[in-house]
Amino acid sequence: MKMALISEHASPLATLGGVDAGGQNIYVMHMAQCLARAGHEVDVYTRRDDPALPTVVHLRPGLRVIHVDAGPACFVPKEQLLPHMQEFAQACETRCRHAGGYDVVHANFFMSGCVALHLKRTFGTPFAITFHALGLVRREHQRAADGFPDERIGIERELVAQADCVVAECPQDRLDLIRLYGADPRRMVTVPCGFDPAEFGPMDRTAVRRELGLDPDEFIVLQLGRLVPRKGIDNVIRAMAYLGEGMPSRLLVVGGESDTPDERVTPEIARLRDVAREAGVDGRVVFTGRRQRERLRLYYGAADVFVTTPWYEPFGITPLEAMACGRPVVGSAVGGIQHTVMHGVTGFLVPPHDPVALGRRLAALRDNPALARALGRAGIRRARSLFTWERVARQLAGALAVLRPSPVQHTADVVPLPRGRSAPLGLVHSATH
């Protein structure tokens, strides 16, 4: 198949750990690579956020990343990108006309869905969509802090209705799409995220701690990912206070907008340091800054336990990576984490805002190394059997292969809204074909 993967804000080439660079970037990169290795012809369309980026990057035979001019060629928060989707869609349409089009389009995130629907209406190309996050779920948890425009909800509902296939990432995501958006189960598939066994696997803890300059005897808790409030890192910091004064313990927080823990670049670090001081654990919390992806395996390998307690999580790739490295995971009983982490088998599930419950689980793992090792071994088995990128890419390819073209609709409303709703000025464009 000839496929277009659209990921407007999450480039597969981005450095991870920043505010808008995380799981979706990883998903798109690995899914595209696996699809190309399987013999498909794959183009990934993403927004140009740096004028120095070439228009086309050839990553491997059958796989290209295409940088699309849409808005200024600099970082723009994803919450502010919707007005630029008109330009993005027009650029994709032009390239499709010149390149002969695609058999199928896979949209990642709701704004990419706008572009995919535009291409469907223009060329009849079927599309599938993976939302990666749902506006109604985000708004429930973030409320006033949700910076996306109100139109997002209506757009998502229309995309759910118009997509040829809606891809849920886990059972909770599927339930939310049906319950909140009226998704038709007959047009849905569930395809999880994954990990690459060549990237993540068991390592000798003593050796990697020596390489990273970490104490060989401390109980090390690892938190890795984007430093944004919804990730619940403050909850992890407060939980450290419940480990007591027995074995020395330390929390490593890996992530941020720079390679050093710079509060000016990553303001969330300043807030979290205040939380650590208030909890009396500031001497046991270390912010490392972001790390290159090839170094992350060392941090997983150095940890005794991996922790992630977000308020909500559409899927959550980092728990999978930690499991693949043989580390027990303590995670929030939310979203995809409920599916990847088997409570009492590969780790533990806790409420997302409960540092006491989290602290108790951490203490149990600290005090029972044999239990921690057993959970880690079970995590390796589960990750390798169910969640490799090769496996999940085959599942996605199977879902895409059955999609068929539809009649051209001769319309170019790039931002789809339900009938009776109007888009903000400048978001709807009527083009002639």
Protein backbone atom coordinates (compact mmCIF):
# COMPACT_ATOMS: atom_id res chain seq x y z
CA MET A 1 0.00 0.00 0.00
CA LYS A 2 0.99 3.59 -0.56
CA MET A 3 0.24 5.40 2.71
CA ALA A 4 0.28 8.94 4.03
CA LEU A 5 0.72 9.32 7.79
CA ILE A 6 -0.22 12.81 8.94
CA SER A 7 1.11 14.12 12.25
CA GLU A 8 0.88 17.89 12.18
CA HIS A 9 2.64 18.79 15.44
CA ALA A 10 4.47 15.58 16.39
CA SER A 11 7.39 15.10 14.05
CA PRO A 12 9.05 11.69 14.12
CA LEU A 13 12.38 13.54 13.92
CA ALA A 14 11.85 15.70 17.03
CA THR A 15 13.93 15.50 20.20
CA LEU A 16 11.77 13.91 22.86
CA GLY A 17 10.95 15.17 26.34
CA GLY A 18 9.63 18.63 25.49
CA VAL A 19 6.14 19.96 26.08
CA ASP A 20 4.86 18.83 22.67
CA ALA A 21 7.29 15.98 21.97
CA GLY A 22 6.40 12.62 23.47
CA GLY A 23 4.47 9.46 22.80
CA GLN A 24 2.89 10.52 19.50
CA ASN A 25 6.30 11.30 18.00
CA ILE A 26 7.53 7.83 19.02
CA TYR A 27 4.38 6.18 17.70
CA VAL A 28 4.57 7.82 14.28
CA MET A 29 8.29 7.12 13.85
CA HIS A 30 8.15 3.45 14.77
CA MET A 31 4.86 2.74 13.04
CA ALA A 32 6.17 4.34 9.83
CA GLN A 33 9.45 2.42 10.01
CA CYS A 34 7.73 -0.91 10.55
CA LEU A 35 5.23 -0.31 7.77
CA ALA A 36 8.07 0.59 5.39
CA ARG A 37 10.05 -2.51 6.38
CA ALA A 38 6.95 -4.57 5.61
CA GLY A 39 7.04 -3.29 2.03
CA HIS A 40 4.60 -0.39 2.17
CA GLU A 41 5.43 3.02 0.70
CA VAL A 42 5.06 5.54 3.53
CA ASP A 43 5.15 9.34 3.57
CA VAL A 44 4.90 11.14 6.92
CA TYR A 45 3.58 14.71 6.71
CA THR A 46 4.48 17.02 9.59
CA ARG A 47 4.64 20.79 10.04
CA ARG A 48 7.92 22.60 9.38
CA ASP A 49 8.96 24.20 12.69
CA ASP A 50 12.50 25.15 11.66
CA PRO A 51 13.44 26.97 8.42
CA ALA A 52 16.59 24.85 8.13
CA LEU A 53 14.64 21.61 7.75
CA PRO A 54 14.70 20.11 4.26
CA THR A 55 11.34 19.63 2.61
CA VAL A 56 11.87 15.89 2.21
CA VAL A 57 13.95 13.61 4.43
CA HIS A 58 14.55 10.08 3.13
CA LEU A 59 14.83 7.92 6.26
CA ARG A 60 15.02 4.51 4.61
CA PRO A 61 13.76 2.83 1.44
CA GLY A 62 10.02 3.39 1.29
CA LEU A 63 9.90 6.01 4.05
CA ARG A 64 10.02 9.78 3.73
CA VAL A 65 9.28 12.61 6.16
CA ILE A 66 7.79 15.61 4.37
CA HIS A 67 7.90 19.00 6.09
CA VAL A 68 4.87 21.11 5.27
CA ASP A 69 4.85 24.91 5.39
CA ALA A 70 1.91 25.88 7.59
CA GLY A 71 2.30 28.95 9.76
CA PRO A 72 5.64 30.30 10.94
CA ALA A 73 8.67 28.01 10.63
CA CYS A 74 9.23 27.92 14.38
CA PHE A 75 7.79 26.16 17.41
CA VAL A 76 4.10 26.89 17.86
CA PRO A 77 2.23 25.24 20.76
CA LYS A 78 -0.16 22.65 19.39
CA GLU A 79 -3.04 24.47 21.07
CA GLN A 80 -2.46 27.33 18.59
CA LEU A 81 -2.08 25.32 15.39
CA LEU A 82 -5.70 24.90 14.28
CA PRO A 83 -5.78 28.14 12.23
CA HIS A 84 -2.82 26.84 10.19
CA MET A 85 -4.49 23.60 9.13
CA GLN A 86 -5.96 25.28 6.05
CA GLU A 87 -2.47 25.95 4.73
CA PHE A 88 -1.33 22.47 5.77
CA ALA A 89 -4.21 20.79 3.94
CA GLN A 90 -3.67 22.80 0.77
CA ALA A 91 0.01 21.86 0.74
CA CYS A 92 -0.85 18.19 1.18
CA GLU A 93 -3.45 18.40 -1.57
CA THR A 94 -0.92 19.93 -3.96
CA ARG A 95 1.66 17.24 -3.24
CA CYS A 96 -0.96 14.51 -3.65
CA ARG A 97 -1.91 15.87 -7.06
CA HIS A 98 1.72 15.81 -8.16
CA ALA A 99 2.57 12.45 -6.56
CA GLY A 100 -0.46 10.54 -7.72
CA GLY A 101 -2.24 10.25 -4.39
CA TYR A 102 -2.35 7.48 -1.80
CA ASP A 103 -4.23 4.28 -1.16
CA VAL A 104 -4.98 5.28 2.42
CA VAL A 105 -4.31 8.09 4.91
CA HIS A 106 -3.68 7.56 8.62
CA ALA A 107 -4.27 10.71 10.67
CA ASN A 108 -2.68 11.18 14.07
CA PHE A 109 -4.45 13.70 16.35
CA PHE A 110 -7.61 15.65 15.56
CA MET A 111 -5.95 18.41 13.53
CA SER A 112 -4.35 15.84 11.26
CA GLY A 113 -7.83 14.40 10.95
CA CYS A 114 -9.00 17.69 9.45
CA VAL A 115 -6.38 17.29 6.74
CA ALA A 116 -7.23 13.62 6.17
CA LEU A 117 -10.93 14.41 5.78
CA HIS A 118 -10.06 17.17 3.31
CA LEU A 119 -8.09 14.66 1.24
CA LYS A 120 -10.96 12.18 1.41
CA ARG A 121 -13.42 14.77 0.16
CA THR A 122 -11.01 15.92 -2.54
CA PHE A 123 -9.70 12.57 -3.83
CA GLY A 124 -11.95 9.94 -2.25
CA THR A 125 -8.99 8.54 -0.29
CA PRO A 126 -10.13 6.55 2.76
CA PHE A 127 -8.68 7.50 6.12
CA ALA A 128 -8.21 6.08 9.57
CA ILE A 129 -7.61 8.22 12.62
CA THR A 130 -5.81 7.66 15.90
CA PHE A 131 -6.66 10.57 18.19
CA HIS A 132 -3.88 9.98 20.77
CA ALA A 133 -5.89 12.21 23.12
CA LEU A 134 -9.56 13.19 23.23
CA GLY A 135 -10.71 16.74 23.85
CA LEU A 136 -13.57 15.80 26.18
CA VAL A 137 -11.29 13.66 28.34
CA ARG A 138 -8.63 16.35 28.43
CA ARG A 139 -11.16 19.02 29.36
CA GLU A 140 -12.61 16.88 32.14
CA HIS A 141 -9.21 16.73 33.81
CA GLN A 142 -7.58 20.04 32.85
CA ARG A 143 -10.65 22.29 32.82
CA ALA A 144 -9.56 25.92 32.49
CA ALA A 145 -5.96 24.87 31.84
CA ASP A 146 -7.02 23.25 28.57
CA GLY A 147 -5.74 25.67 25.96
CA PHE A 148 -7.43 24.12 22.93
CA PRO A 149 -10.30 26.01 21.28
CA ASP A 150 -13.86 24.92 22.03
CA GLU A 151 -14.27 23.90 18.38
CA ARG A 152 -12.07 20.88 19.02
CA ILE A 153 -14.94 18.85 20.48
CA GLY A 154 -17.22 19.36 17.49
CA ILE A 155 -14.37 18.64 15.09
CA GLU A 156 -13.59 15.38 16.86
CA ARG A 157 -17.23 14.29 16.75
CA GLU A 158 -17.39 14.98 13.02
CA LEU A 159 -14.16 13.11 12.40
CA VAL A 160 -15.45 10.10 14.34
CA ALA A 161 -18.54 10.14 12.12
CA GLN A 162 -16.64 10.58 8.84
CA ALA A 163 -13.55 8.39 9.34
CA ASP A 164 -13.48 5.06 7.55
CA CYS A 165 -11.79 3.57 10.59
CA VAL A 166 -11.32 4.90 14.14
CA VAL A 167 -8.28 3.42 15.86
CA ALA A 168 -8.47 3.17 19.64
CA GLU A 169 -5.22 2.67 21.52
CA CYS A 170 -6.59 0.69 24.46
CA PRO A 171 -9.91 -0.57 25.86
CA GLN A 172 -10.47 2.68 27.81
CA ASP A 173 -9.88 4.75 24.66
CA ARG A 174 -12.39 2.59 22.78
CA LEU A 175 -14.96 3.01 25.56
CA ASP A 176 -14.46 6.79 25.62
CA LEU A 177 -14.86 7.05 21.84
CA ILE A 178 -18.12 5.10 21.93
CA ARG A 179 -19.55 6.68 25.08
CA LEU A 180 -18.50 10.30 24.54
CA TYR A 181 -18.38 10.56 20.75
CA GLY A 182 -20.85 7.98 19.51
CA ALA A 183 -18.25 6.00 17.57
CA ASP A 184 -19.63 3.05 15.61
CA PRO A 185 -17.97 -0.12 16.98
CA ARG A 186 -18.22 -1.68 13.51
CA ARG A 187 -15.78 0.92 12.18
CA MET A 188 -13.34 0.65 15.08
CA VAL A 189 -10.20 -1.33 15.79
CA THR A 190 -7.98 -1.33 18.86
CA VAL A 191 -4.27 -1.10 18.11
CA PRO A 192 -1.95 -0.36 21.04
CA CYS A 193 1.36 1.45 21.04
CA GLY A 194 4.56 -0.53 21.26
CA PHE A 195 8.28 -0.69 21.95
CA ASP A 196 11.35 -1.72 19.98
CA PRO A 197 13.24 -4.71 21.47
CA ALA A 198 16.39 -3.42 19.79
CA GLU A 199 16.07 -0.23 21.86
CA PHE A 200 14.83 -1.52 25.19
CA GLY A 201 15.80 -4.63 27.09
CA PRO A 202 17.35 -5.72 30.39
CA MET A 203 20.70 -4.25 31.42
CA ASP A 204 23.03 -4.81 34.34
CA ARG A 205 21.97 -2.33 37.01
CA THR A 206 25.40 -2.00 38.61
CA ALA A 207 27.11 -1.33 35.28
CA VAL A 208 24.68 1.32 34.09
CA ARG A 209 24.70 3.08 37.45
CA ARG A 210 28.47 3.25 37.21
CA GLU A 211 28.18 4.73 33.71
CA LEU A 212 25.64 7.33 34.85
CA GLY A 213 27.51 8.16 38.05
CA LEU A 214 24.70 6.98 40.31
CA ASP A 215 25.02 5.49 43.78
CA PRO A 216 25.11 1.67 43.50
CA ASP A 217 23.20 1.17 46.75
CA GLU A 218 20.38 3.73 46.61
CA PHE A 219 16.77 2.78 45.91
CA ILE A 220 16.18 4.69 42.67
CA VAL A 221 12.72 5.65 41.47
CA LEU A 222 12.51 6.81 37.84
CA GLN A 223 10.02 9.26 36.33
CA LEU A 224 10.61 9.83 32.62
CA GLY A 225 8.65 11.87 30.10
CA ARG A 226 7.23 15.28 29.40
CA LEU A 227 7.29 17.77 32.26
CA VAL A 228 3.72 19.03 32.20
CA PRO A 229 1.29 19.21 35.15
CA ARG A 230 -1.05 16.46 33.90
CA LYS A 231 1.77 13.90 34.20
CA GLY A 232 1.35 14.06 37.99
CA ILE A 233 5.05 14.33 38.83
CA ASP A 234 4.16 16.34 41.94
CA ASN A 235 2.31 13.24 43.16
CA VAL A 236 5.48 11.15 42.75
CA ILE A 237 7.56 13.74 44.60
CA ARG A 238 5.15 13.78 47.54
CA ALA A 239 5.17 9.98 47.63
CA MET A 240 8.93 10.01 48.24
CA ALA A 241 8.21 11.39 51.72
CA TYR A 242 6.52 8.08 52.63
CA LEU A 243 9.65 6.03 51.98
CA GLY A 244 11.01 7.05 55.37
CA GLU A 245 14.64 7.16 56.37
CA GLY A 246 15.61 3.51 55.88
CA MET A 247 17.49 2.64 52.73
CA PRO A 248 18.63 5.84 50.95
CA SER A 249 16.26 6.62 48.09
CA ARG A 250 16.29 9.01 45.16
CA LEU A 251 13.83 10.12 42.49
CA LEU A 252 15.27 10.77 39.03
CA VAL A 253 13.09 13.02 36.86
CA VAL A 254 14.19 12.77 33.23
CA GLY A 255 12.68 15.22 30.74
CA GLY A 256 12.31 18.88 29.92
CA GLU A 257 12.96 21.39 27.18
CA SER A 258 16.76 21.39 27.46
CA ASP A 259 19.62 19.02 28.19
CA THR A 260 20.14 20.63 31.59
CA PRO A 261 17.41 21.23 34.21
CA ASP A 262 16.95 24.92 33.34
CA GLU A 263 13.95 26.52 35.07
CA ARG A 264 13.93 29.37 32.55
CA VAL A 265 13.45 26.93 29.68
CA THR A 266 11.24 24.47 31.58
CA PRO A 267 9.21 26.45 34.16
CA GLU A 268 7.56 23.25 35.42
CA ILE A 269 10.87 22.33 37.06
CA ALA A 270 10.63 25.38 39.34
CA ARG A 271 7.13 24.39 40.45
CA LEU A 272 8.18 20.81 41.10
CA ARG A 273 11.22 21.92 43.09
CA ASP A 274 8.88 23.95 45.28
CA VAL A 275 6.76 20.82 45.78
CA ALA A 276 9.87 18.87 46.77
CA ARG A 277 10.87 21.52 49.32
CA GLU A 278 7.39 21.59 50.81
CA ALA A 279 7.42 17.79 51.09
CA GLY A 280 10.87 17.82 52.68
CA VAL A 281 12.41 15.64 49.97
CA ASP A 282 14.27 18.23 47.89
CA GLY A 283 17.56 16.51 48.70
CA ARG A 284 16.26 13.27 47.20
CA VAL A 285 14.84 14.59 43.91
CA VAL A 286 17.15 15.06 40.91
CA PHE A 287 16.12 16.70 37.65
CA THR A 288 18.40 15.59 34.83
CA GLY A 289 16.99 17.53 31.88
CA ARG A 290 16.04 15.73 28.70
CA ARG A 291 18.12 12.89 27.33
CA GLN A 292 18.63 11.56 23.83
CA ARG A 293 16.48 8.55 23.10
CA GLU A 294 19.44 6.19 22.82
CA ARG A 295 20.35 7.05 26.43
CA LEU A 296 16.94 6.32 27.94
CA ARG A 297 17.63 2.60 28.19
CA LEU A 298 20.41 3.38 30.66
CA TYR A 299 18.03 5.21 32.97
CA TYR A 300 15.44 2.45 32.86
CA GLY A 301 18.24 -0.03 33.57
CA ALA A 302 19.57 2.00 36.51
CA ALA A 303 16.18 2.27 38.23
CA ASP A 304 14.72 -0.06 40.82
CA VAL A 305 11.19 0.93 39.85
CA PHE A 306 9.53 3.07 37.20
CA VAL A 307 6.68 5.36 38.23
CA THR A 308 4.09 7.22 36.18
CA THR A 309 0.97 8.68 37.81
CA PRO A 310 -0.71 10.99 35.28
CA TRP A 311 -4.20 12.37 35.80
CA TYR A 312 -5.19 10.63 32.55
CA GLU A 313 -3.22 8.85 29.84
CA PRO A 314 -4.52 7.88 26.38
CA PHE A 315 -1.96 5.07 26.27
CA GLY A 316 1.45 5.69 27.85
CA ILE A 317 4.52 4.30 26.10
CA THR A 318 7.02 4.74 28.93
CA PRO A 319 5.52 1.99 31.13
CA LEU A 320 5.96 -0.43 28.22
CA GLU A 321 9.59 0.59 27.79
CA ALA A 322 10.24 0.13 31.50
CA MET A 323 8.62 -3.31 31.44
CA ALA A 324 10.74 -4.27 28.44
CA CYS A 325 13.80 -3.32 30.50
CA GLY A 326 12.70 -5.61 33.32
CA ARG A 327 11.61 -2.94 35.78
CA PRO A 328 8.41 -3.09 37.85
CA VAL A 329 5.99 -0.27 37.11
CA VAL A 330 3.77 1.61 39.53
CA GLY A 331 1.26 3.59 37.50
CA SER A 332 -2.07 5.37 37.66
CA ALA A 333 -5.13 3.21 37.16
CA VAL A 334 -6.12 5.29 34.13
CA GLY A 335 -6.23 4.96 30.35
CA GLY A 336 -3.79 2.64 28.68
CA ILE A 337 -1.75 2.09 31.83
CA GLN A 338 -4.61 -0.06 33.17
CA HIS A 339 -4.13 -2.29 30.14
CA THR A 340 -0.35 -2.54 29.91
CA VAL A 341 0.44 -2.89 33.62
CA MET A 342 -1.06 -6.02 35.18
CA HIS A 343 -1.71 -5.24 38.84
CA GLY A 344 0.27 -7.58 41.05
CA VAL A 345 1.89 -9.27 38.04
CA THR A 346 4.07 -6.67 36.27
CA GLY A 347 3.65 -3.87 38.79
CA PHE A 348 0.95 -2.03 40.68
CA LEU A 349 -1.90 0.34 39.82
CA VAL A 350 -2.72 3.22 42.17
CA PRO A 351 -5.15 6.16 42.13
CA PRO A 352 -3.65 9.12 40.23
CA HIS A 353 -3.80 11.69 43.07
CA ASP A 354 -2.84 9.54 46.04
CA PRO A 355 0.80 9.94 47.17
CA VAL A 356 0.17 7.78 50.24
CA ALA A 357 -0.94 4.78 48.16
CA LEU A 358 1.98 5.34 45.80
CA GLY A 359 4.44 5.65 48.67
CA ARG A 360 3.24 2.37 50.16
CA ARG A 361 3.78 0.54 46.86
CA LEU A 362 7.25 2.02 46.48
CA ALA A 363 8.13 1.01 50.03
CA ALA A 364 6.89 -2.53 49.38
CA LEU A 365 9.17 -2.84 46.36
CA ARG A 366 12.10 -1.33 48.22
CA ASP A 367 11.66 -3.77 51.09
CA ASN A 368 11.12 -6.83 48.89
CA PRO A 369 13.71 -6.95 46.08
CA ALA A 370 12.65 -10.49 45.17
CA LEU A 371 9.12 -9.24 44.46
CA ALA A 372 10.50 -6.39 42.35
CA ARG A 373 12.59 -8.82 40.30
CA ALA A 374 9.61 -11.14 39.76
CA LEU A 375 7.42 -8.28 38.57
CA GLY A 376 10.21 -7.14 36.26
CA ARG A 377 10.58 -10.58 34.67
CA ALA A 378 6.82 -10.77 34.11
CA GLY A 379 6.92 -7.32 32.52
CA ILE A 380 9.53 -8.46 30.00
CA ARG A 381 7.38 -11.42 28.99
CA ARG A 382 4.24 -9.33 28.63
CA ALA A 383 5.91 -6.55 26.64
CA ARG A 384 7.63 -8.93 24.24
CA SER A 385 4.55 -11.07 23.63
CA LEU A 386 2.01 -8.31 23.02
CA PHE A 387 3.53 -4.92 22.39
CA THR A 388 6.41 -4.91 19.91
CA TRP A 389 6.14 -2.30 17.18
CA GLU A 390 6.36 -5.00 14.51
CA ARG A 391 3.32 -6.71 15.98
CA VAL A 392 1.18 -3.59 16.36
CA ALA A 393 2.18 -2.29 12.91
CA ARG A 394 0.85 -5.51 11.39
CA GLN A 395 -2.41 -4.93 13.23
CA LEU A 396 -2.67 -1.38 11.88
CA ALA A 397 -1.76 -2.45 8.34
CA GLY A 398 -4.47 -5.09 8.46
CA ALA A 399 -7.06 -2.49 9.46
CA LEU A 400 -5.94 -0.08 6.72
CA ALA A 401 -5.83 -2.73 3.99
CA VAL A 402 -9.61 -3.25 3.99
CA LEU A 403 -10.50 0.44 3.57
CA ARG A 404 -11.88 1.46 0.19
CA PRO A 405 -12.12 4.78 -1.70
CA SER A 406 -15.30 6.84 -1.54
CA PRO A 407 -16.89 9.25 -4.03
CA VAL A 408 -15.29 12.69 -4.31
CA GLN A 409 -17.40 15.30 -2.51
CA HIS A 410 -16.01 18.46 -4.16
CA THR A 411 -15.72 20.40 -0.95
CA ALA A 412 -12.74 21.78 0.91
CA ASP A 413 -13.95 22.61 4.39
CA VAL A 414 -10.69 21.91 6.13
CA VAL A 415 -12.09 22.26 9.63
CA PRO A 416 -15.15 19.98 9.80
CA LEU A 417 -17.94 20.91 12.15
CA PRO A 418 -21.36 19.34 12.65
CA ARG A 419 -24.18 20.86 10.64
CA GLY A 420 -25.56 23.94 12.29
CA ARG A 421 -22.17 24.99 13.68
CA SER A 422 -19.92 27.51 12.02
CA ALA A 423 -16.16 27.53 12.17
CA PRO A 424 -14.22 30.56 13.41
CA LEU A 425 -13.38 33.16 10.80
CA GLY A 426 -10.65 32.00 8.47
CA LEU A 427 -10.92 28.30 9.24
CA VAL A 428 -13.29 27.31 6.48
CA HIS A 429 -12.16 27.72 2.91
CA SER A 430 -14.20 27.05 -0.20
CA ALA A 431 -11.94 25.95 -3.03
CA THR A 432 -12.69 25.09 -6.60
CA HIS A 433 -11.55 21.81 -8.10
